N, C-alpha and C. Protein backbone atom coordinates (compact mmCIF):
# COMPACT_ATOMS: atom_id res chain seq x y z
N MET A 1 -47.98 127.91 -55.10
CA MET A 1 -48.92 127.26 -56.02
C MET A 1 -49.19 128.20 -57.18
N ASN A 2 -49.38 127.58 -58.31
CA ASN A 2 -49.67 128.45 -59.44
C ASN A 2 -51.15 128.82 -59.45
N ILE A 3 -51.47 129.86 -60.13
CA ILE A 3 -52.83 130.42 -60.18
C ILE A 3 -53.81 129.41 -60.76
N ARG A 4 -53.43 128.69 -61.79
CA ARG A 4 -54.32 127.73 -62.42
C ARG A 4 -54.71 126.64 -61.43
N PHE A 5 -53.75 126.09 -60.68
CA PHE A 5 -54.05 125.05 -59.69
C PHE A 5 -54.99 125.58 -58.60
N GLN A 6 -54.75 126.80 -58.13
CA GLN A 6 -55.60 127.41 -57.11
C GLN A 6 -57.03 127.58 -57.63
N ALA A 7 -57.17 127.99 -58.88
CA ALA A 7 -58.50 128.17 -59.47
C ALA A 7 -59.24 126.84 -59.57
N VAL A 8 -58.53 125.78 -59.98
CA VAL A 8 -59.15 124.46 -60.09
C VAL A 8 -59.55 123.96 -58.71
N LEU A 9 -58.68 124.13 -57.72
CA LEU A 9 -58.98 123.70 -56.35
C LEU A 9 -60.19 124.45 -55.80
N LEU A 10 -60.20 125.78 -55.98
CA LEU A 10 -61.33 126.57 -55.50
C LEU A 10 -62.62 126.16 -56.21
N SER A 11 -62.56 125.91 -57.50
CA SER A 11 -63.72 125.47 -58.26
C SER A 11 -64.25 124.13 -57.75
N ALA A 12 -63.35 123.21 -57.45
CA ALA A 12 -63.76 121.89 -56.94
C ALA A 12 -64.41 122.02 -55.57
N LEU A 13 -63.87 122.86 -54.71
CA LEU A 13 -64.46 123.05 -53.38
C LEU A 13 -65.85 123.67 -53.48
N ILE A 14 -66.01 124.66 -54.30
CA ILE A 14 -67.32 125.31 -54.48
C ILE A 14 -68.31 124.31 -55.07
N SER A 15 -67.90 123.53 -56.04
CA SER A 15 -68.78 122.52 -56.65
C SER A 15 -69.24 121.50 -55.62
N ALA A 16 -68.33 121.08 -54.75
CA ALA A 16 -68.69 120.10 -53.72
C ALA A 16 -69.74 120.66 -52.77
N CYS A 17 -69.60 121.93 -52.42
CA CYS A 17 -70.58 122.56 -51.52
C CYS A 17 -71.92 122.75 -52.21
N VAL A 18 -71.89 123.22 -53.45
CA VAL A 18 -73.12 123.50 -54.19
C VAL A 18 -73.88 122.21 -54.50
N ALA A 19 -73.17 121.11 -54.72
CA ALA A 19 -73.82 119.84 -55.06
C ALA A 19 -74.74 119.37 -53.95
N ARG A 20 -74.44 119.70 -52.69
CA ARG A 20 -75.28 119.29 -51.56
C ARG A 20 -76.33 120.34 -51.21
N ALA A 21 -76.26 121.49 -51.83
CA ALA A 21 -77.15 122.58 -51.47
C ALA A 21 -78.53 122.38 -52.08
N ALA A 22 -79.52 122.92 -51.39
CA ALA A 22 -80.88 122.90 -51.90
C ALA A 22 -81.09 124.11 -52.80
N PRO A 23 -82.04 124.02 -53.73
CA PRO A 23 -82.33 125.18 -54.57
C PRO A 23 -82.74 126.38 -53.72
N VAL A 24 -83.45 126.12 -52.63
CA VAL A 24 -83.83 127.15 -51.68
C VAL A 24 -83.36 126.66 -50.31
N PRO A 25 -82.53 127.43 -49.63
CA PRO A 25 -81.99 126.97 -48.34
C PRO A 25 -83.09 126.61 -47.35
N LEU A 26 -82.84 125.56 -46.54
CA LEU A 26 -83.72 125.07 -45.48
C LEU A 26 -85.07 124.58 -45.99
N THR A 27 -85.13 124.13 -47.24
CA THR A 27 -86.34 123.49 -47.74
C THR A 27 -86.17 121.98 -47.61
N SER A 28 -87.18 121.23 -48.03
CA SER A 28 -87.16 119.78 -47.82
C SER A 28 -86.01 119.08 -48.53
N SER A 29 -85.43 119.70 -49.53
CA SER A 29 -84.32 119.06 -50.22
C SER A 29 -82.96 119.50 -49.67
N SER A 30 -82.96 120.29 -48.64
CA SER A 30 -81.73 120.81 -48.05
C SER A 30 -81.12 119.80 -47.09
N ALA A 31 -79.78 119.70 -47.10
CA ALA A 31 -79.09 118.82 -46.16
C ALA A 31 -79.31 119.29 -44.72
N ALA A 32 -79.62 120.58 -44.53
CA ALA A 32 -79.85 121.10 -43.19
C ALA A 32 -81.11 120.52 -42.55
N VAL A 33 -82.09 120.14 -43.34
CA VAL A 33 -83.32 119.59 -42.78
C VAL A 33 -83.43 118.08 -42.96
N ALA A 34 -82.44 117.46 -43.54
CA ALA A 34 -82.47 116.02 -43.79
C ALA A 34 -82.79 115.20 -42.55
N PRO A 35 -82.27 115.55 -41.36
CA PRO A 35 -82.61 114.74 -40.18
C PRO A 35 -84.09 114.81 -39.81
N PHE A 36 -84.84 115.74 -40.39
CA PHE A 36 -86.24 115.91 -40.04
C PHE A 36 -87.20 115.38 -41.10
N TRP A 37 -86.69 114.78 -42.19
CA TRP A 37 -87.57 114.19 -43.19
C TRP A 37 -88.40 113.13 -42.50
N GLY A 38 -89.70 113.19 -42.67
CA GLY A 38 -90.59 112.23 -42.03
C GLY A 38 -91.19 112.76 -40.74
N LEU A 39 -90.81 113.94 -40.32
CA LEU A 39 -91.41 114.56 -39.15
C LEU A 39 -92.46 115.55 -39.65
N LEU A 40 -93.73 115.19 -39.47
CA LEU A 40 -94.82 116.06 -39.92
C LEU A 40 -95.22 116.96 -38.76
N GLN A 41 -95.07 118.25 -38.93
CA GLN A 41 -95.48 119.23 -37.94
C GLN A 41 -96.59 120.06 -38.58
N SER A 42 -97.82 119.73 -38.25
CA SER A 42 -98.95 120.39 -38.87
C SER A 42 -99.19 121.76 -38.25
N PRO A 43 -99.54 122.74 -39.07
CA PRO A 43 -99.93 124.04 -38.53
C PRO A 43 -101.24 123.96 -37.74
N GLU A 44 -101.93 122.83 -37.86
CA GLU A 44 -103.19 122.62 -37.12
C GLU A 44 -102.95 122.18 -35.68
N GLY A 45 -101.67 121.94 -35.32
CA GLY A 45 -101.38 121.68 -33.92
C GLY A 45 -101.08 120.25 -33.53
N TYR A 46 -100.50 119.47 -34.42
CA TYR A 46 -100.11 118.11 -34.07
C TYR A 46 -98.85 117.72 -34.83
N THR A 47 -98.16 116.69 -34.34
CA THR A 47 -97.00 116.15 -35.03
C THR A 47 -97.11 114.63 -35.08
N ILE A 48 -96.52 114.05 -36.11
CA ILE A 48 -96.28 112.61 -36.17
C ILE A 48 -94.86 112.43 -36.70
N ASP A 49 -94.27 111.30 -36.36
CA ASP A 49 -92.89 111.06 -36.72
C ASP A 49 -92.76 109.70 -37.40
N THR A 50 -92.32 109.70 -38.65
CA THR A 50 -92.11 108.45 -39.38
C THR A 50 -90.63 108.15 -39.58
N ARG A 51 -89.75 108.93 -38.93
CA ARG A 51 -88.32 108.81 -39.20
C ARG A 51 -87.73 107.44 -38.83
N LYS A 52 -88.24 106.78 -37.82
CA LYS A 52 -87.68 105.48 -37.42
C LYS A 52 -88.55 104.33 -37.93
N THR A 53 -89.23 104.58 -39.04
CA THR A 53 -90.07 103.56 -39.67
C THR A 53 -89.69 103.47 -41.14
N ARG A 54 -90.34 102.55 -41.83
CA ARG A 54 -90.11 102.41 -43.28
C ARG A 54 -91.05 103.30 -44.08
N TRP A 55 -91.96 104.05 -43.43
CA TRP A 55 -92.88 104.93 -44.15
C TRP A 55 -92.11 106.10 -44.71
N GLN A 56 -92.35 106.39 -46.00
CA GLN A 56 -91.70 107.51 -46.69
C GLN A 56 -92.76 108.45 -47.23
N VAL A 57 -92.47 109.75 -47.19
CA VAL A 57 -93.42 110.75 -47.67
C VAL A 57 -93.79 110.44 -49.11
N SER A 58 -95.07 110.57 -49.42
CA SER A 58 -95.58 110.25 -50.74
C SER A 58 -96.62 111.30 -51.13
N GLU A 59 -96.97 111.30 -52.40
CA GLU A 59 -98.07 112.16 -52.83
C GLU A 59 -99.38 111.60 -52.30
N VAL A 60 -100.30 112.49 -52.00
CA VAL A 60 -101.62 112.06 -51.55
C VAL A 60 -102.30 111.39 -52.74
N PRO A 61 -102.77 110.14 -52.58
CA PRO A 61 -103.36 109.43 -53.71
C PRO A 61 -104.71 110.01 -54.11
N GLU A 62 -105.07 109.76 -55.35
CA GLU A 62 -106.38 110.17 -55.85
C GLU A 62 -107.46 109.52 -54.99
N GLY A 63 -108.45 110.29 -54.64
CA GLY A 63 -109.53 109.78 -53.80
C GLY A 63 -109.30 110.06 -52.32
N ALA A 64 -108.11 110.55 -51.96
CA ALA A 64 -107.82 110.87 -50.57
C ALA A 64 -107.44 112.35 -50.45
N GLU A 65 -108.11 113.20 -51.20
CA GLU A 65 -107.77 114.61 -51.27
C GLU A 65 -107.87 115.32 -49.93
N ARG A 66 -108.67 114.80 -49.02
CA ARG A 66 -108.80 115.44 -47.71
C ARG A 66 -107.62 115.14 -46.80
N ALA A 67 -106.73 114.26 -47.21
CA ALA A 67 -105.58 113.91 -46.37
C ALA A 67 -104.59 115.06 -46.32
N ASP A 68 -104.04 115.31 -45.13
CA ASP A 68 -103.00 116.33 -44.96
C ASP A 68 -101.66 115.82 -45.44
N ALA A 69 -101.44 114.51 -45.32
CA ALA A 69 -100.16 113.92 -45.70
C ALA A 69 -100.38 112.44 -46.03
N ALA A 70 -99.46 111.91 -46.83
CA ALA A 70 -99.51 110.48 -47.16
C ALA A 70 -98.09 109.93 -47.12
N PHE A 71 -98.01 108.65 -46.75
CA PHE A 71 -96.73 107.96 -46.65
C PHE A 71 -96.91 106.57 -47.24
N ARG A 72 -95.85 106.04 -47.85
CA ARG A 72 -95.88 104.69 -48.40
C ARG A 72 -94.62 103.95 -47.95
N ILE A 73 -94.74 102.63 -47.92
CA ILE A 73 -93.59 101.78 -47.68
C ILE A 73 -93.11 101.31 -49.05
N GLU A 74 -91.81 101.49 -49.30
CA GLU A 74 -91.25 101.12 -50.60
C GLU A 74 -91.50 99.65 -50.90
N LYS A 75 -91.85 99.37 -52.15
CA LYS A 75 -92.13 98.02 -52.64
C LYS A 75 -93.26 97.36 -51.85
N SER A 76 -94.27 98.14 -51.53
CA SER A 76 -95.40 97.64 -50.75
C SER A 76 -96.66 98.38 -51.22
N ASP A 77 -97.81 97.77 -50.97
CA ASP A 77 -99.08 98.43 -51.25
C ASP A 77 -99.57 99.23 -50.05
N GLY A 78 -98.77 99.25 -48.97
CA GLY A 78 -99.16 99.95 -47.76
C GLY A 78 -99.29 101.44 -47.97
N LEU A 79 -100.29 102.03 -47.34
CA LEU A 79 -100.53 103.47 -47.42
C LEU A 79 -100.91 103.97 -46.04
N LEU A 80 -100.28 105.05 -45.61
CA LEU A 80 -100.61 105.71 -44.36
C LEU A 80 -101.02 107.13 -44.70
N THR A 81 -102.19 107.55 -44.25
CA THR A 81 -102.63 108.93 -44.47
C THR A 81 -102.96 109.56 -43.13
N VAL A 82 -102.85 110.88 -43.10
CA VAL A 82 -103.18 111.66 -41.91
C VAL A 82 -104.10 112.78 -42.36
N ARG A 83 -105.18 112.95 -41.62
CA ARG A 83 -106.07 114.06 -41.96
C ARG A 83 -106.70 114.65 -40.71
N LEU A 84 -107.10 115.89 -40.81
CA LEU A 84 -107.77 116.60 -39.73
C LEU A 84 -109.23 116.73 -40.10
N ASP A 85 -110.10 116.45 -39.16
CA ASP A 85 -111.53 116.52 -39.38
C ASP A 85 -112.14 117.43 -38.33
N ASP A 86 -112.91 118.42 -38.76
CA ASP A 86 -113.64 119.25 -37.81
C ASP A 86 -114.89 118.50 -37.38
N MET A 87 -115.11 118.44 -36.09
CA MET A 87 -116.27 117.72 -35.54
C MET A 87 -117.44 118.71 -35.41
N LYS A 88 -117.99 119.11 -36.55
CA LYS A 88 -119.06 120.10 -36.53
C LYS A 88 -120.37 119.54 -36.00
N LYS A 89 -120.70 118.33 -36.41
CA LYS A 89 -121.98 117.75 -36.01
C LYS A 89 -121.87 116.95 -34.71
N ALA A 90 -120.78 116.25 -34.56
CA ALA A 90 -120.60 115.42 -33.37
C ALA A 90 -120.20 116.30 -32.19
N ARG A 91 -120.85 116.09 -31.06
CA ARG A 91 -120.57 116.91 -29.89
C ARG A 91 -119.55 116.25 -28.97
N THR A 92 -119.37 114.95 -29.11
CA THR A 92 -118.42 114.23 -28.27
C THR A 92 -117.63 113.25 -29.14
N PRO A 93 -116.48 112.83 -28.65
CA PRO A 93 -115.75 111.80 -29.40
C PRO A 93 -116.58 110.54 -29.61
N LYS A 94 -117.37 110.15 -28.61
CA LYS A 94 -118.19 108.94 -28.75
C LYS A 94 -119.21 109.10 -29.86
N SER A 95 -119.90 110.24 -29.94
CA SER A 95 -120.88 110.43 -31.02
C SER A 95 -120.19 110.50 -32.38
N TYR A 96 -118.99 111.05 -32.43
CA TYR A 96 -118.22 111.07 -33.67
C TYR A 96 -117.90 109.64 -34.10
N MET A 97 -117.43 108.83 -33.16
CA MET A 97 -117.09 107.44 -33.47
C MET A 97 -118.34 106.66 -33.88
N ASP A 98 -119.45 106.87 -33.20
CA ASP A 98 -120.69 106.16 -33.54
C ASP A 98 -121.12 106.46 -34.98
N SER A 99 -120.99 107.72 -35.40
CA SER A 99 -121.40 108.07 -36.76
C SER A 99 -120.49 107.39 -37.79
N TRP A 100 -119.18 107.32 -37.51
CA TRP A 100 -118.27 106.66 -38.43
C TRP A 100 -118.49 105.15 -38.47
N MET A 101 -118.79 104.55 -37.34
CA MET A 101 -119.03 103.10 -37.32
C MET A 101 -120.26 102.76 -38.17
N ALA A 102 -121.30 103.59 -38.07
CA ALA A 102 -122.50 103.37 -38.89
C ALA A 102 -122.17 103.51 -40.38
N LEU A 103 -121.35 104.50 -40.71
CA LEU A 103 -120.97 104.70 -42.12
C LEU A 103 -120.15 103.51 -42.63
N TYR A 104 -119.19 103.04 -41.83
CA TYR A 104 -118.38 101.89 -42.26
C TYR A 104 -119.26 100.68 -42.57
N LEU A 105 -120.23 100.44 -41.72
CA LEU A 105 -121.14 99.31 -41.95
C LEU A 105 -121.94 99.51 -43.23
N ARG A 106 -122.44 100.73 -43.47
CA ARG A 106 -123.20 101.02 -44.69
C ARG A 106 -122.34 100.84 -45.93
N LEU A 107 -121.04 101.13 -45.81
CA LEU A 107 -120.13 100.98 -46.95
C LEU A 107 -119.66 99.55 -47.14
N GLY A 108 -120.08 98.66 -46.25
CA GLY A 108 -119.76 97.25 -46.39
C GLY A 108 -118.47 96.81 -45.73
N PHE A 109 -117.88 97.64 -44.89
CA PHE A 109 -116.69 97.23 -44.16
C PHE A 109 -117.07 96.31 -43.02
N GLU A 110 -116.20 95.38 -42.72
CA GLU A 110 -116.35 94.57 -41.52
C GLU A 110 -115.50 95.23 -40.44
N ILE A 111 -116.13 95.56 -39.33
CA ILE A 111 -115.41 96.16 -38.22
C ILE A 111 -114.86 95.02 -37.37
N LEU A 112 -113.54 94.87 -37.40
CA LEU A 112 -112.90 93.79 -36.66
C LEU A 112 -112.78 94.11 -35.18
N GLY A 113 -112.73 95.39 -34.85
CA GLY A 113 -112.63 95.79 -33.46
C GLY A 113 -112.50 97.28 -33.34
N THR A 114 -112.93 97.81 -32.21
CA THR A 114 -112.77 99.22 -31.89
C THR A 114 -112.65 99.34 -30.39
N ARG A 115 -111.75 100.22 -29.97
CA ARG A 115 -111.60 100.40 -28.52
C ARG A 115 -110.95 101.75 -28.25
N PRO A 116 -111.31 102.34 -27.10
CA PRO A 116 -110.63 103.57 -26.69
C PRO A 116 -109.29 103.22 -26.05
N PHE A 117 -108.36 104.14 -26.09
CA PHE A 117 -107.08 103.97 -25.39
C PHE A 117 -106.58 105.34 -24.93
N GLU A 118 -105.76 105.32 -23.90
CA GLU A 118 -105.17 106.55 -23.39
C GLU A 118 -103.87 106.83 -24.13
N HIS A 119 -103.71 108.08 -24.54
CA HIS A 119 -102.48 108.48 -25.24
C HIS A 119 -102.11 109.88 -24.78
N ASN A 120 -101.01 109.99 -24.06
CA ASN A 120 -100.54 111.29 -23.56
C ASN A 120 -101.62 112.04 -22.78
N GLY A 121 -102.38 111.31 -21.99
CA GLY A 121 -103.40 111.93 -21.15
C GLY A 121 -104.73 112.18 -21.82
N ASP A 122 -104.85 111.88 -23.10
CA ASP A 122 -106.11 112.07 -23.82
C ASP A 122 -106.67 110.71 -24.21
N THR A 123 -107.99 110.65 -24.39
CA THR A 123 -108.61 109.44 -24.89
C THR A 123 -108.62 109.47 -26.41
N ALA A 124 -108.18 108.39 -27.00
CA ALA A 124 -108.19 108.23 -28.46
C ALA A 124 -108.88 106.90 -28.74
N TYR A 125 -109.14 106.62 -30.00
CA TYR A 125 -109.78 105.37 -30.39
C TYR A 125 -108.96 104.70 -31.48
N VAL A 126 -109.00 103.38 -31.50
CA VAL A 126 -108.42 102.61 -32.58
C VAL A 126 -109.53 101.76 -33.19
N VAL A 127 -109.54 101.68 -34.52
CA VAL A 127 -110.55 100.91 -35.25
C VAL A 127 -109.82 100.02 -36.25
N ASP A 128 -110.15 98.74 -36.25
CA ASP A 128 -109.60 97.80 -37.23
C ASP A 128 -110.70 97.38 -38.17
N LEU A 129 -110.42 97.46 -39.47
CA LEU A 129 -111.43 97.23 -40.51
C LEU A 129 -110.93 96.24 -41.56
N LEU A 130 -111.88 95.58 -42.19
CA LEU A 130 -111.59 94.70 -43.32
C LEU A 130 -112.50 95.14 -44.46
N GLN A 131 -111.93 95.35 -45.64
CA GLN A 131 -112.72 95.77 -46.79
C GLN A 131 -113.68 94.66 -47.19
N LYS A 132 -114.82 95.06 -47.76
CA LYS A 132 -115.88 94.08 -48.03
C LYS A 132 -115.45 92.94 -48.93
N ASP A 133 -114.52 93.19 -49.86
CA ASP A 133 -114.06 92.09 -50.69
C ASP A 133 -112.90 91.32 -50.03
N ARG A 134 -112.59 91.72 -48.80
CA ARG A 134 -111.57 91.07 -47.96
C ARG A 134 -110.16 91.14 -48.53
N SER A 135 -109.92 92.10 -49.44
CA SER A 135 -108.59 92.19 -50.03
C SER A 135 -107.67 93.13 -49.25
N ARG A 136 -108.24 94.11 -48.56
CA ARG A 136 -107.43 95.10 -47.82
C ARG A 136 -107.89 95.18 -46.38
N GLN A 137 -106.92 95.40 -45.53
CA GLN A 137 -107.20 95.56 -44.11
C GLN A 137 -106.70 96.93 -43.69
N ALA A 138 -107.31 97.52 -42.66
CA ALA A 138 -106.95 98.88 -42.25
C ALA A 138 -107.00 99.02 -40.74
N ARG A 139 -106.20 99.97 -40.25
CA ARG A 139 -106.27 100.41 -38.87
C ARG A 139 -106.34 101.93 -38.89
N GLN A 140 -107.24 102.46 -38.06
CA GLN A 140 -107.32 103.90 -37.89
C GLN A 140 -107.14 104.21 -36.41
N ALA A 141 -106.39 105.27 -36.15
CA ALA A 141 -106.29 105.82 -34.80
C ALA A 141 -106.86 107.23 -34.88
N ILE A 142 -107.76 107.55 -33.96
CA ILE A 142 -108.43 108.84 -33.99
C ILE A 142 -108.15 109.55 -32.68
N PHE A 143 -107.59 110.76 -32.79
CA PHE A 143 -107.21 111.57 -31.64
C PHE A 143 -108.11 112.80 -31.62
N PHE A 144 -108.59 113.19 -30.45
CA PHE A 144 -109.56 114.28 -30.33
C PHE A 144 -109.01 115.42 -29.48
N ARG A 145 -109.32 116.66 -29.92
CA ARG A 145 -109.02 117.83 -29.12
C ARG A 145 -109.74 119.03 -29.72
N ASN A 146 -110.36 119.81 -28.85
CA ASN A 146 -110.98 121.09 -29.25
C ASN A 146 -111.87 120.97 -30.48
N ASN A 147 -112.79 120.02 -30.49
CA ASN A 147 -113.72 119.80 -31.59
C ASN A 147 -113.02 119.47 -32.91
N GLN A 148 -111.86 118.87 -32.81
CA GLN A 148 -111.16 118.38 -34.00
C GLN A 148 -110.77 116.93 -33.77
N ALA A 149 -110.66 116.21 -34.86
CA ALA A 149 -110.19 114.83 -34.81
C ALA A 149 -109.06 114.69 -35.83
N VAL A 150 -107.96 114.08 -35.40
CA VAL A 150 -106.88 113.74 -36.33
C VAL A 150 -106.97 112.23 -36.53
N ILE A 151 -107.07 111.83 -37.79
CA ILE A 151 -107.22 110.41 -38.13
C ILE A 151 -105.96 109.93 -38.85
N ILE A 152 -105.29 108.95 -38.25
CA ILE A 152 -104.16 108.29 -38.90
C ILE A 152 -104.69 106.97 -39.42
N SER A 153 -104.67 106.78 -40.72
CA SER A 153 -105.20 105.56 -41.35
C SER A 153 -104.07 104.80 -42.02
N CYS A 154 -103.97 103.52 -41.72
CA CYS A 154 -103.00 102.64 -42.37
C CYS A 154 -103.78 101.53 -43.05
N ASN A 155 -103.44 101.24 -44.28
CA ASN A 155 -104.06 100.09 -44.93
C ASN A 155 -103.06 99.42 -45.85
N ASP A 156 -103.31 98.15 -46.08
CA ASP A 156 -102.44 97.35 -46.93
C ASP A 156 -103.24 96.14 -47.38
N VAL A 157 -102.70 95.41 -48.35
CA VAL A 157 -103.35 94.16 -48.74
C VAL A 157 -103.30 93.23 -47.53
N LYS A 158 -104.31 92.41 -47.42
CA LYS A 158 -104.47 91.58 -46.22
C LYS A 158 -103.24 90.71 -45.94
N GLU A 159 -102.63 90.19 -46.98
CA GLU A 159 -101.50 89.26 -46.81
C GLU A 159 -100.28 89.92 -46.16
N THR A 160 -100.08 91.21 -46.39
CA THR A 160 -98.90 91.89 -45.84
C THR A 160 -99.25 92.94 -44.78
N PHE A 161 -100.51 92.95 -44.38
CA PHE A 161 -100.95 93.97 -43.43
C PHE A 161 -100.22 93.89 -42.10
N SER A 162 -99.95 92.71 -41.59
CA SER A 162 -99.33 92.60 -40.27
C SER A 162 -97.96 93.27 -40.25
N ALA A 163 -97.20 93.18 -41.33
CA ALA A 163 -95.89 93.85 -41.39
C ALA A 163 -96.07 95.36 -41.42
N SER A 164 -97.03 95.85 -42.18
CA SER A 164 -97.31 97.29 -42.22
C SER A 164 -97.85 97.78 -40.89
N LEU A 165 -98.63 96.94 -40.22
CA LEU A 165 -99.25 97.33 -38.96
C LEU A 165 -98.20 97.64 -37.89
N ALA A 166 -97.14 96.88 -37.83
CA ALA A 166 -96.09 97.15 -36.85
C ALA A 166 -95.49 98.54 -37.07
N GLU A 167 -95.27 98.89 -38.34
CA GLU A 167 -94.75 100.21 -38.68
C GLU A 167 -95.80 101.29 -38.41
N CYS A 168 -97.05 100.99 -38.67
CA CYS A 168 -98.14 101.92 -38.44
C CYS A 168 -98.26 102.25 -36.95
N ASN A 169 -98.16 101.23 -36.12
CA ASN A 169 -98.28 101.45 -34.68
C ASN A 169 -97.19 102.37 -34.14
N LYS A 170 -95.99 102.32 -34.74
CA LYS A 170 -94.92 103.24 -34.33
C LYS A 170 -95.32 104.69 -34.62
N VAL A 171 -95.95 104.91 -35.77
CA VAL A 171 -96.37 106.26 -36.13
C VAL A 171 -97.50 106.71 -35.20
N ILE A 172 -98.45 105.83 -34.93
CA ILE A 172 -99.54 106.17 -34.01
C ILE A 172 -98.99 106.56 -32.65
N GLN A 173 -98.02 105.81 -32.15
CA GLN A 173 -97.43 106.11 -30.85
C GLN A 173 -96.67 107.43 -30.85
N SER A 174 -96.21 107.89 -32.03
CA SER A 174 -95.46 109.14 -32.10
C SER A 174 -96.36 110.37 -32.10
N PHE A 175 -97.67 110.20 -32.25
CA PHE A 175 -98.59 111.33 -32.35
C PHE A 175 -98.50 112.22 -31.10
N ARG A 176 -98.43 113.53 -31.32
CA ARG A 176 -98.43 114.50 -30.22
C ARG A 176 -99.23 115.72 -30.64
N TRP A 177 -100.02 116.25 -29.70
CA TRP A 177 -100.65 117.55 -29.90
C TRP A 177 -99.60 118.60 -29.57
N THR A 178 -99.53 119.65 -30.37
CA THR A 178 -98.57 120.72 -30.09
C THR A 178 -99.25 121.99 -29.62
N LYS A 179 -100.55 122.06 -29.73
CA LYS A 179 -101.30 123.20 -29.22
C LYS A 179 -102.01 122.78 -27.94
N PRO A 180 -102.19 123.71 -27.01
CA PRO A 180 -102.85 123.34 -25.74
C PRO A 180 -104.31 122.97 -25.95
N ASN A 181 -104.81 122.19 -25.02
CA ASN A 181 -106.21 121.79 -25.02
C ASN A 181 -107.03 122.92 -24.40
N ILE A 182 -107.80 123.59 -25.22
CA ILE A 182 -108.60 124.71 -24.74
C ILE A 182 -110.05 124.29 -24.72
N GLN A 183 -110.60 124.25 -23.55
CA GLN A 183 -112.01 123.86 -23.41
C GLN A 183 -112.87 125.11 -23.54
N ALA A 184 -113.79 125.08 -24.47
CA ALA A 184 -114.71 126.21 -24.66
C ALA A 184 -115.71 126.24 -23.50
N PRO A 185 -116.08 127.43 -23.05
CA PRO A 185 -117.07 127.48 -21.97
C PRO A 185 -118.41 126.96 -22.44
N ARG A 186 -119.11 126.27 -21.55
CA ARG A 186 -120.44 125.74 -21.89
C ARG A 186 -121.50 126.67 -21.31
N PHE A 187 -122.47 127.00 -22.14
CA PHE A 187 -123.55 127.90 -21.72
C PHE A 187 -124.84 127.17 -21.58
């Protein structure tokens, strides 16, 4: 082979490799981590998985600054947010839930239902809400551990909420604590 052909071939091979490379190896734009897009592993000790759903990572919307992560469904008004809340005032999950239910009512939400459920050996709660102008519907799942609550909130316009809800429930079911449950001694 002549030198010119070898140089062109080598250049094409290098270009093909570089075209798939991330600016910084093993970052979110890297092909090496592509299978994990949608897997949220929080340093606070929990994971959720949106990989087998239509939820895609999105910027946290204005007004939801306390959210750790946000996801949207393409061509939809659906929004899924995840946030961690320290339970400083509430001493039990029930008292935490009671305070939020009172706040929802004061804000004019209609509480369609609330119930505890078992998830991976822990008690969690699900809350279904309707916005006061009845334009948006929401579901929240609240998971408790070590004086912390992780809240997964899904909302969408009422007309398309049922389609978003099916996808939301998949994410709720994927929730896992990654840190052990440490019970503080009571004095």
